[in-house]
PDB file of N, CA and C in Angstrom:
ATOM      1  N   UNK A   1      -6.741 -27.713 -12.097  1.00  0.00           N
ATOM      2  CA  UNK A   1      -6.928 -28.288 -10.782  1.00  0.00           C
ATOM      3  C   UNK A   1      -5.941 -27.686  -9.785  1.00  0.00           C
ATOM      4  N   UNK A   2      -4.654 -27.643 -10.163  1.00  0.00           N
ATOM      5  CA  UNK A   2      -3.637 -27.095  -9.266  1.00  0.00           C
ATOM      6  C   UNK A   2      -3.881 -25.620  -8.995  1.00  0.00           C
ATOM      7  N   UNK A   3      -4.368 -24.897  -9.996  1.00  0.00           N
ATOM      8  CA  UNK A   3      -4.652 -23.475  -9.830  1.00  0.00           C
ATOM      9  C   UNK A   3      -5.756 -23.267  -8.796  1.00  0.00           C
ATOM     10  N   UNK A   4      -6.779 -24.103  -8.824  1.00  0.00           N
ATOM     11  CA  UNK A   4      -7.874 -24.001  -7.859  1.00  0.00           C
ATOM     12  C   UNK A   4      -7.379 -24.324  -6.453  1.00  0.00           C
ATOM     13  N   UNK A   5      -6.507 -25.285  -6.313  1.00  0.00           N
ATOM     14  CA  UNK A   5      -5.947 -25.632  -5.004  1.00  0.00           C
ATOM     15  C   UNK A   5      -5.087 -24.501  -4.467  1.00  0.00           C
ATOM     16  N   UNK A   6      -4.317 -23.870  -5.335  1.00  0.00           N
ATOM     17  CA  UNK A   6      -3.471 -22.754  -4.911  1.00  0.00           C
ATOM     18  C   UNK A   6      -4.327 -21.600  -4.422  1.00  0.00           C
ATOM     19  N   UNK A   7      -5.437 -21.336  -5.095  1.00  0.00           N
ATOM     20  CA  UNK A   7      -6.349 -20.274  -4.663  1.00  0.00           C
ATOM     21  C   UNK A   7      -6.953 -20.596  -3.309  1.00  0.00           C
ATOM     22  N   UNK A   8      -7.311 -21.868  -3.096  1.00  0.00           N
ATOM     23  CA  UNK A   8      -7.900 -22.281  -1.829  1.00  0.00           C
ATOM     24  C   UNK A   8      -6.915 -22.131  -0.677  1.00  0.00           C
ATOM     25  N   UNK A   9      -5.625 -22.318  -0.944  1.00  0.00           N
ATOM     26  CA  UNK A   9      -4.604 -22.237   0.089  1.00  0.00           C
ATOM     27  C   UNK A   9      -4.107 -20.811   0.295  1.00  0.00           C
ATOM     28  N   UNK A  10      -4.413 -19.927  -0.614  1.00  0.00           N
ATOM     29  CA  UNK A  10      -3.956 -18.539  -0.520  1.00  0.00           C
ATOM     30  C   UNK A  10      -4.670 -17.841   0.634  1.00  0.00           C
ATOM     31  N   UNK A  11      -4.032 -16.785   1.113  1.00  0.00           N
ATOM     32  CA  UNK A  11      -4.623 -15.990   2.181  1.00  0.00           C
ATOM     33  C   UNK A  11      -5.941 -15.398   1.692  1.00  0.00           C
ATOM     34  N   UNK A  12      -6.957 -15.401   2.548  1.00  0.00           N
ATOM     35  CA  UNK A  12      -8.245 -14.847   2.102  1.00  0.00           C
ATOM     36  C   UNK A  12      -8.141 -13.348   1.848  1.00  0.00           C
ATOM     37  N   UNK A  13      -8.957 -12.884   0.924  1.00  0.00           N
ATOM     38  CA  UNK A  13      -8.995 -11.455   0.614  1.00  0.00           C
ATOM     39  C   UNK A  13      -9.654 -10.724   1.778  1.00  0.00           C
ATOM     40  N   UNK A  14      -8.923  -9.773   2.364  1.00  0.00           N
ATOM     41  CA  UNK A  14      -9.452  -8.985   3.473  1.00  0.00           C
ATOM     42  C   UNK A  14      -9.167  -7.516   3.213  1.00  0.00           C
ATOM     43  N   UNK A  15      -9.809  -6.662   3.967  1.00  0.00           N
ATOM     44  CA  UNK A  15      -9.544  -5.235   3.860  1.00  0.00           C
ATOM     45  C   UNK A  15      -8.081  -4.945   4.183  1.00  0.00           C
ATOM     46  N   UNK A  16      -7.559  -5.576   5.220  1.00  0.00           N
ATOM     47  CA  UNK A  16      -6.163  -5.350   5.609  1.00  0.00           C
ATOM     48  C   UNK A  16      -5.199  -5.779   4.507  1.00  0.00           C
ATOM     49  N   UNK A  17      -5.496  -6.875   3.832  1.00  0.00           N
ATOM     50  CA  UNK A  17      -4.653  -7.333   2.730  1.00  0.00           C
ATOM     51  C   UNK A  17      -4.651  -6.311   1.602  1.00  0.00           C
ATOM     52  N   UNK A  18      -5.810  -5.763   1.287  1.00  0.00           N
ATOM     53  CA  UNK A  18      -5.909  -4.736   0.251  1.00  0.00           C
ATOM     54  C   UNK A  18      -5.080  -3.505   0.630  1.00  0.00           C
ATOM     55  N   UNK A  19      -5.214  -3.065   1.865  1.00  0.00           N
ATOM     56  CA  UNK A  19      -4.470  -1.892   2.337  1.00  0.00           C
ATOM     57  C   UNK A  19      -2.972  -2.151   2.255  1.00  0.00           C
ATOM     58  N   UNK A  20      -2.538  -3.317   2.696  1.00  0.00           N
ATOM     59  CA  UNK A  20      -1.110  -3.644   2.649  1.00  0.00           C
ATOM     60  C   UNK A  20      -0.599  -3.773   1.221  1.00  0.00           C
ATOM     61  N   UNK A  21      -1.416  -4.300   0.327  1.00  0.00           N
ATOM     62  CA  UNK A  21      -1.025  -4.417  -1.073  1.00  0.00           C
ATOM     63  C   UNK A  21      -0.798  -3.029  -1.687  1.00  0.00           C
ATOM     64  N   UNK A  22      -1.726  -2.102  -1.444  1.00  0.00           N
ATOM     65  CA  UNK A  22      -1.572  -0.745  -1.963  1.00  0.00           C
ATOM     66  C   UNK A  22      -0.380  -0.047  -1.303  1.00  0.00           C
ATOM     67  N   UNK A  23      -0.196  -0.266  -0.017  1.00  0.00           N
ATOM     68  CA  UNK A  23       0.940   0.332   0.689  1.00  0.00           C
ATOM     69  C   UNK A  23       2.268  -0.181   0.176  1.00  0.00           C
ATOM     70  N   UNK A  24       2.350  -1.469  -0.094  1.00  0.00           N
ATOM     71  CA  UNK A  24       3.577  -2.047  -0.632  1.00  0.00           C
ATOM     72  C   UNK A  24       3.887  -1.481  -2.011  1.00  0.00           C
ATOM     73  N   UNK A  25       2.860  -1.331  -2.832  1.00  0.00           N
ATOM     74  CA  UNK A  25       3.059  -0.747  -4.159  1.00  0.00           C
ATOM     75  C   UNK A  25       3.566   0.691  -4.034  1.00  0.00           C
ATOM     76  N   UNK A  26       3.021   1.446  -3.094  1.00  0.00           N
ATOM     77  CA  UNK A  26       3.487   2.824  -2.885  1.00  0.00           C
ATOM     78  C   UNK A  26       4.950   2.830  -2.451  1.00  0.00           C
ATOM     79  N   UNK A  27       5.327   1.920  -1.564  1.00  0.00           N
ATOM     80  CA  UNK A  27       6.723   1.841  -1.123  1.00  0.00           C
ATOM     81  C   UNK A  27       7.656   1.531  -2.292  1.00  0.00           C
ATOM     82  N   UNK A  28       7.218   0.669  -3.188  1.00  0.00           N
ATOM     83  CA  UNK A  28       8.027   0.345  -4.374  1.00  0.00           C
ATOM     84  C   UNK A  28       8.240   1.604  -5.202  1.00  0.00           C
ATOM     85  N   UNK A  29       7.190   2.381  -5.421  1.00  0.00           N
ATOM     86  CA  UNK A  29       7.298   3.591  -6.245  1.00  0.00           C
ATOM     87  C   UNK A  29       8.067   4.709  -5.540  1.00  0.00           C
ATOM     88  N   UNK A  30       8.137   4.634  -4.223  1.00  0.00           N
ATOM     89  CA  UNK A  30       8.960   5.596  -3.477  1.00  0.00           C
ATOM     90  C   UNK A  30      10.422   5.174  -3.438  1.00  0.00           C
ATOM     91  N   UNK A  31      10.713   3.972  -3.935  1.00  0.00           N
ATOM     92  CA  UNK A  31      12.081   3.470  -3.917  1.00  0.00           C
ATOM     93  C   UNK A  31      12.480   2.900  -2.572  1.00  0.00           C
ATOM     94  N   UNK A  32      11.521   2.716  -1.676  1.00  0.00           N
ATOM     95  CA  UNK A  32      11.806   2.231  -0.322  1.00  0.00           C
ATOM     96  C   UNK A  32      11.720   0.716  -0.203  1.00  0.00           C
ATOM     97  N   UNK A  33      11.226   0.074  -1.237  1.00  0.00           N
ATOM     98  CA  UNK A  33      11.085  -1.375  -1.243  1.00  0.00           C
ATOM     99  C   UNK A  33      11.487  -1.861  -2.635  1.00  0.00           C
ATOM    100  N   UNK A  34      12.178  -2.991  -2.709  1.00  0.00           N
ATOM    101  CA  UNK A  34      12.623  -3.446  -4.030  1.00  0.00           C
ATOM    102  C   UNK A  34      11.458  -3.824  -4.933  1.00  0.00           C
ATOM    103  N   UNK A  35      11.635  -3.533  -6.202  1.00  0.00           N
ATOM    104  CA  UNK A  35      10.657  -3.908  -7.218  1.00  0.00           C
ATOM    105  C   UNK A  35      11.091  -5.274  -7.751  1.00  0.00           C
ATOM    106  N   UNK A  36      10.268  -6.303  -7.570  1.00  0.00           N
ATOM    107  CA  UNK A  36      10.670  -7.641  -8.031  1.00  0.00           C
ATOM    108  C   UNK A  36      11.085  -7.629  -9.502  1.00  0.00           C
ATOM    109  N   UNK A  37      12.210  -8.223  -9.778  1.00  0.00           N
ATOM    110  CA  UNK A  37      12.691  -8.317 -11.149  1.00  0.00           C
ATOM    111  C   UNK A  37      13.483  -7.118 -11.622  1.00  0.00           C
ATOM    112  N   UNK A  38      13.639  -6.104 -10.789  1.00  0.00           N
ATOM    113  CA  UNK A  38      14.387  -4.907 -11.171  1.00  0.00           C
ATOM    114  C   UNK A  38      15.656  -4.807 -10.336  1.00  0.00           C
ATOM    115  N   UNK A  39      16.722  -4.362 -10.958  1.00  0.00           N
ATOM    116  CA  UNK A  39      17.985  -4.206 -10.227  1.00  0.00           C
ATOM    117  C   UNK A  39      18.016  -2.913  -9.438  1.00  0.00           C
ATOM    118  N   UNK A  40      17.479  -1.856  -9.992  1.00  0.00           N
ATOM    119  CA  UNK A  40      17.492  -0.538  -9.351  1.00  0.00           C
ATOM    120  C   UNK A  40      16.137  -0.250  -8.715  1.00  0.00           C
ATOM    121  N   UNK A  41      16.132   0.467  -7.601  1.00  0.00           N
ATOM    122  CA  UNK A  41      14.843   0.858  -7.013  1.00  0.00           C
ATOM    123  C   UNK A  41      14.067   1.751  -7.975  1.00  0.00           C
ATOM    124  N   UNK A  42      12.770   1.656  -7.910  1.00  0.00           N
ATOM    125  CA  UNK A  42      11.901   2.465  -8.759  1.00  0.00           C
ATOM    126  C   UNK A  42      11.576   3.759  -8.020  1.00  0.00           C
ATOM    127  N   UNK A  43      11.593   4.857  -8.729  1.00  0.00           N
ATOM    128  CA  UNK A  43      11.223   6.147  -8.164  1.00  0.00           C
ATOM    129  C   UNK A  43      10.203   6.789  -9.096  1.00  0.00           C
ATOM    130  N   UNK A  44       8.953   6.723  -8.714  1.00  0.00           N
ATOM    131  CA  UNK A  44       7.880   7.328  -9.493  1.00  0.00           C
ATOM    132  C   UNK A  44       6.948   8.012  -8.498  1.00  0.00           C
ATOM    133  N   UNK A  45       7.275   9.264  -8.172  1.00  0.00           N
ATOM    134  CA  UNK A  45       6.523   9.978  -7.148  1.00  0.00           C
ATOM    135  C   UNK A  45       5.071  10.189  -7.538  1.00  0.00           C
ATOM    136  N   UNK A  46       4.800  10.344  -8.821  1.00  0.00           N
ATOM    137  CA  UNK A  46       3.421  10.515  -9.266  1.00  0.00           C
ATOM    138  C   UNK A  46       2.576   9.286  -8.964  1.00  0.00           C
ATOM    139  N   UNK A  47       3.124   8.126  -9.251  1.00  0.00           N
ATOM    140  CA  UNK A  47       2.392   6.880  -8.975  1.00  0.00           C
ATOM    141  C   UNK A  47       2.287   6.640  -7.469  1.00  0.00           C
ATOM    142  N   UNK A  48       3.339   6.963  -6.738  1.00  0.00           N
ATOM    143  CA  UNK A  48       3.285   6.831  -5.280  1.00  0.00           C
ATOM    144  C   UNK A  48       2.191   7.727  -4.711  1.00  0.00           C
ATOM    145  N   UNK A  49       2.098   8.951  -5.187  1.00  0.00           N
ATOM    146  CA  UNK A  49       1.066   9.870  -4.710  1.00  0.00           C
ATOM    147  C   UNK A  49      -0.330   9.349  -5.028  1.00  0.00           C
ATOM    148  N   UNK A  50      -0.497   8.779  -6.208  1.00  0.00           N
ATOM    149  CA  UNK A  50      -1.796   8.229  -6.600  1.00  0.00           C
ATOM    150  C   UNK A  50      -2.207   7.098  -5.656  1.00  0.00           C
ATOM    151  N   UNK A  51      -1.274   6.224  -5.318  1.00  0.00           N
ATOM    152  CA  UNK A  51      -1.583   5.123  -4.411  1.00  0.00           C
ATOM    153  C   UNK A  51      -1.899   5.629  -3.005  1.00  0.00           C
ATOM    154  N   UNK A  52      -1.156   6.631  -2.555  1.00  0.00           N
ATOM    155  CA  UNK A  52      -1.428   7.229  -1.241  1.00  0.00           C
ATOM    156  C   UNK A  52      -2.807   7.877  -1.254  1.00  0.00           C
ATOM    157  N   UNK A  53      -3.152   8.544  -2.341  1.00  0.00           N
ATOM    158  CA  UNK A  53      -4.486   9.145  -2.471  1.00  0.00           C
ATOM    159  C   UNK A  53      -5.577   8.078  -2.418  1.00  0.00           C
ATOM    160  N   UNK A  54      -5.363   6.941  -3.076  1.00  0.00           N
ATOM    161  CA  UNK A  54      -6.347   5.862  -3.043  1.00  0.00           C
ATOM    162  C   UNK A  54      -6.559   5.359  -1.620  1.00  0.00           C
ATOM    163  N   UNK A  55      -5.456   5.246  -0.880  1.00  0.00           N
ATOM    164  CA  UNK A  55      -5.588   4.820   0.516  1.00  0.00           C
ATOM    165  C   UNK A  55      -6.378   5.852   1.323  1.00  0.00           C
ATOM    166  N   UNK A  56      -6.159   7.116   1.041  1.00  0.00           N
ATOM    167  CA  UNK A  56      -6.925   8.166   1.707  1.00  0.00           C
ATOM    168  C   UNK A  56      -8.408   8.082   1.363  1.00  0.00           C
ATOM    169  N   UNK A  57      -8.714   7.775   0.118  1.00  0.00           N
ATOM    170  CA  UNK A  57     -10.109   7.611  -0.298  1.00  0.00           C
ATOM    171  C   UNK A  57     -10.736   6.430   0.436  1.00  0.00           C
ATOM    172  N   UNK A  58      -9.985   5.327   0.516  1.00  0.00           N
ATOM    173  CA  UNK A  58     -10.497   4.169   1.255  1.00  0.00           C
ATOM    174  C   UNK A  58     -10.792   4.536   2.706  1.00  0.00           C
ATOM    175  N   UNK A  59      -9.896   5.295   3.324  1.00  0.00           N
ATOM    176  CA  UNK A  59     -10.103   5.721   4.708  1.00  0.00           C
ATOM    177  C   UNK A  59     -11.380   6.550   4.818  1.00  0.00           C
ATOM    178  N   UNK A  60     -11.540   7.498   3.923  1.00  0.00           N
ATOM    179  CA  UNK A  60     -12.705   8.379   3.977  1.00  0.00           C
ATOM    180  C   UNK A  60     -14.010   7.622   3.725  1.00  0.00           C
ATOM    181  N   UNK A  61     -13.996   6.729   2.761  1.00  0.00           N
ATOM    182  CA  UNK A  61     -15.220   6.022   2.377  1.00  0.00           C
ATOM    183  C   UNK A  61     -15.606   4.911   3.350  1.00  0.00           C
ATOM    184  N   UNK A  62     -14.674   4.467   4.180  1.00  0.00           N
ATOM    185  CA  UNK A  62     -14.970   3.386   5.128  1.00  0.00           C
ATOM    186  C   UNK A  62     -15.063   3.894   6.564  1.00  0.00           C
ATOM    187  N   UNK A  63     -15.036   5.205   6.735  1.00  0.00           N
ATOM    188  CA  UNK A  63     -15.064   5.779   8.077  1.00  0.00           C
ATOM    189  C   UNK A  63     -16.276   5.262   8.862  1.00  0.00           C
ATOM    190  N   UNK A  64     -16.011   4.792  10.075  1.00  0.00           N
ATOM    191  CA  UNK A  64     -17.066   4.275  10.935  1.00  0.00           C
ATOM    192  C   UNK A  64     -17.442   2.829  10.667  1.00  0.00           C
ATOM    193  N   UNK A  65     -16.814   2.208   9.667  1.00  0.00           N
ATOM    194  CA  UNK A  65     -17.168   0.826   9.324  1.00  0.00           C
ATOM    195  C   UNK A  65     -15.999  -0.140   9.458  1.00  0.00           C
ATOM    196  N   UNK A  66     -14.867   0.332   9.976  1.00  0.00           N
ATOM    197  CA  UNK A  66     -13.692  -0.518  10.122  1.00  0.00           C
ATOM    198  C   UNK A  66     -13.560  -0.993  11.567  1.00  0.00           C
ATOM    199  N   UNK A  67     -12.910  -2.135  11.716  1.00  0.00           N
ATOM    200  CA  UNK A  67     -12.578  -2.574  13.063  1.00  0.00           C
ATOM    201  C   UNK A  67     -11.487  -1.642  13.586  1.00  0.00           C
ATOM    202  N   UNK A  68     -11.286  -1.574  14.893  1.00  0.00           N
ATOM    203  CA  UNK A  68     -10.201  -0.729  15.411  1.00  0.00           C
ATOM    204  C   UNK A  68      -8.841  -1.094  14.818  1.00  0.00           C
ATOM    205  N   UNK A  69      -8.612  -2.374  14.602  1.00  0.00           N
ATOM    206  CA  UNK A  69      -7.334  -2.824  14.042  1.00  0.00           C
ATOM    207  C   UNK A  69      -7.173  -2.360  12.593  1.00  0.00           C
ATOM    208  N   UNK A  70      -8.235  -2.474  11.805  1.00  0.00           N
ATOM    209  CA  UNK A  70      -8.183  -2.029  10.408  1.00  0.00           C
ATOM    210  C   UNK A  70      -7.959  -0.518  10.339  1.00  0.00           C
ATOM    211  N   UNK A  71      -8.660   0.221  11.176  1.00  0.00           N
ATOM    212  CA  UNK A  71      -8.520   1.679  11.187  1.00  0.00           C
ATOM    213  C   UNK A  71      -7.099   2.078  11.569  1.00  0.00           C
ATOM    214  N   UNK A  72      -6.541   1.417  12.585  1.00  0.00           N
ATOM    215  CA  UNK A  72      -5.184   1.725  13.035  1.00  0.00           C
ATOM    216  C   UNK A  72      -4.164   1.405  11.934  1.00  0.00           C
ATOM    217  N   UNK A  73      -4.324   0.258  11.286  1.00  0.00           N
ATOM    218  CA  UNK A  73      -3.424  -0.116  10.191  1.00  0.00           C
ATOM    219  C   UNK A  73      -3.454   0.940   9.104  1.00  0.00           C
ATOM    220  N   UNK A  74      -4.625   1.339   8.694  1.00  0.00           N
ATOM    221  CA  UNK A  74      -4.766   2.315   7.615  1.00  0.00           C
ATOM    222  C   UNK A  74      -4.203   3.674   8.017  1.00  0.00           C
ATOM    223  N   UNK A  75      -4.492   4.135   9.212  1.00  0.00           N
ATOM    224  CA  UNK A  75      -3.991   5.430   9.678  1.00  0.00           C
ATOM    225  C   UNK A  75      -2.465   5.430   9.780  1.00  0.00           C
ATOM    226  N   UNK A  76      -1.904   4.382  10.361  1.00  0.00           N
ATOM    227  CA  UNK A  76      -0.447   4.319  10.511  1.00  0.00           C
ATOM    228  C   UNK A  76       0.246   4.219   9.159  1.00  0.00           C
ATOM    229  N   UNK A  77      -0.313   3.417   8.268  1.00  0.00           N
ATOM    230  CA  UNK A  77       0.275   3.274   6.939  1.00  0.00           C
ATOM    231  C   UNK A  77       0.222   4.592   6.178  1.00  0.00           C
ATOM    232  N   UNK A  78      -0.906   5.267   6.228  1.00  0.00           N
ATOM    233  CA  UNK A  78      -1.024   6.560   5.549  1.00  0.00           C
ATOM    234  C   UNK A  78      -0.020   7.571   6.101  1.00  0.00           C
ATOM    235  N   UNK A  79       0.122   7.626   7.402  1.00  0.00           N
ATOM    236  CA  UNK A  79       1.075   8.555   8.007  1.00  0.00           C
ATOM    237  C   UNK A  79       2.492   8.239   7.530  1.00  0.00           C
ATOM    238  N   UNK A  80       2.868   6.964   7.604  1.00  0.00           N
ATOM    239  CA  UNK A  80       4.215   6.563   7.198  1.00  0.00           C
ATOM    240  C   UNK A  80       4.470   6.876   5.725  1.00  0.00           C
ATOM    241  N   UNK A  81       3.525   6.543   4.867  1.00  0.00           N
ATOM    242  CA  UNK A  81       3.700   6.792   3.434  1.00  0.00           C
ATOM    243  C   UNK A  81       3.777   8.280   3.127  1.00  0.00           C
ATOM    244  N   UNK A  82       2.969   9.073   3.792  1.00  0.00           N
ATOM    245  CA  UNK A  82       3.014  10.522   3.557  1.00  0.00           C
ATOM    246  C   UNK A  82       4.342  11.117   3.995  1.00  0.00           C
ATOM    247  N   UNK A  83       4.890  10.660   5.108  1.00  0.00           N
ATOM    248  CA  UNK A  83       6.194  11.153   5.559  1.00  0.00           C
ATOM    249  C   UNK A  83       7.300  10.734   4.588  1.00  0.00           C
ATOM    250  N   UNK A  84       7.231   9.499   4.119  1.00  0.00           N
ATOM    251  CA  UNK A  84       8.216   9.015   3.142  1.00  0.00           C
ATOM    252  C   UNK A  84       8.099   9.786   1.829  1.00  0.00           C
ATOM    253  N   UNK A  85       6.864  10.072   1.434  1.00  0.00           N
ATOM    254  CA  UNK A  85       6.644  10.831   0.202  1.00  0.00           C
ATOM    255  C   UNK A  85       7.262  12.221   0.322  1.00  0.00           C
ATOM    256  N   UNK A  86       7.024  12.894   1.434  1.00  0.00           N
ATOM    257  CA  UNK A  86       7.599  14.235   1.635  1.00  0.00           C
ATOM    258  C   UNK A  86       9.124  14.189   1.594  1.00  0.00           C
ATOM    259  N   UNK A  87       9.704  13.178   2.227  1.00  0.00           N
ATOM    260  CA  UNK A  87      11.166  13.031   2.217  1.00  0.00           C
ATOM    261  C   UNK A  87      11.672  12.788   0.804  1.00  0.00           C
ATOM    262  N   UNK A  88      10.992  11.935   0.042  1.00  0.00           N
ATOM    263  CA  UNK A  88      11.403  11.664  -1.330  1.00  0.00           C
ATOM    264  C   UNK A  88      11.235  12.879  -2.219  1.00  0.00           C
ATOM    265  N   UNK A  89      10.186  13.642  -1.984  1.00  0.00           N
ATOM    266  CA  UNK A  89       9.950  14.843  -2.766  1.00  0.00           C
ATOM    267  C   UNK A  89      11.041  15.892  -2.488  1.00  0.00           C
ATOM    268  N   UNK A  90      11.484  16.000  -1.256  1.00  0.00           N
ATOM    269  CA  UNK A  90      12.543  16.958  -0.916  1.00  0.00           C
ATOM    270  C   UNK A  90      13.877  16.551  -1.533  1.00  0.00           C
ATOM    271  N   UNK A  91      14.097  15.235  -1.667  1.00  0.00           N
ATOM    272  CA  UNK A  91      15.321  14.727  -2.289  1.00  0.00           C
ATOM    273  C   UNK A  91      15.355  15.022  -3.781  1.00  0.00           C
ATOM    274  N   UNK A  92      14.169  14.953  -4.397  1.00  0.00           N
ATOM    275  CA  UNK A  92      14.083  15.089  -5.870  1.00  0.00           C
ATOM    276  C   UNK A  92      14.352  16.501  -6.330  1.00  0.00           C
TER     277      UNK A  92
END
């Protein structure tokens, strides 16, 4: 019963939520955001690249079907993640 109530109160699943979830995971793998339960930042450029690629696929497959806000969120997030990835790759 409590589990069903928690689901009802949770934020609805939206395209923007999905994009932000993937972006947050990429930031964790780039070491730019803390990994819950870990003391040290995680650095896994391969996994970060995979998540960035997935976001690029989402952008390509949804072209022309997003609201202006969704498109802007996805474009800005992809740009930011790609710049962070390049910086992390140069450090490595």
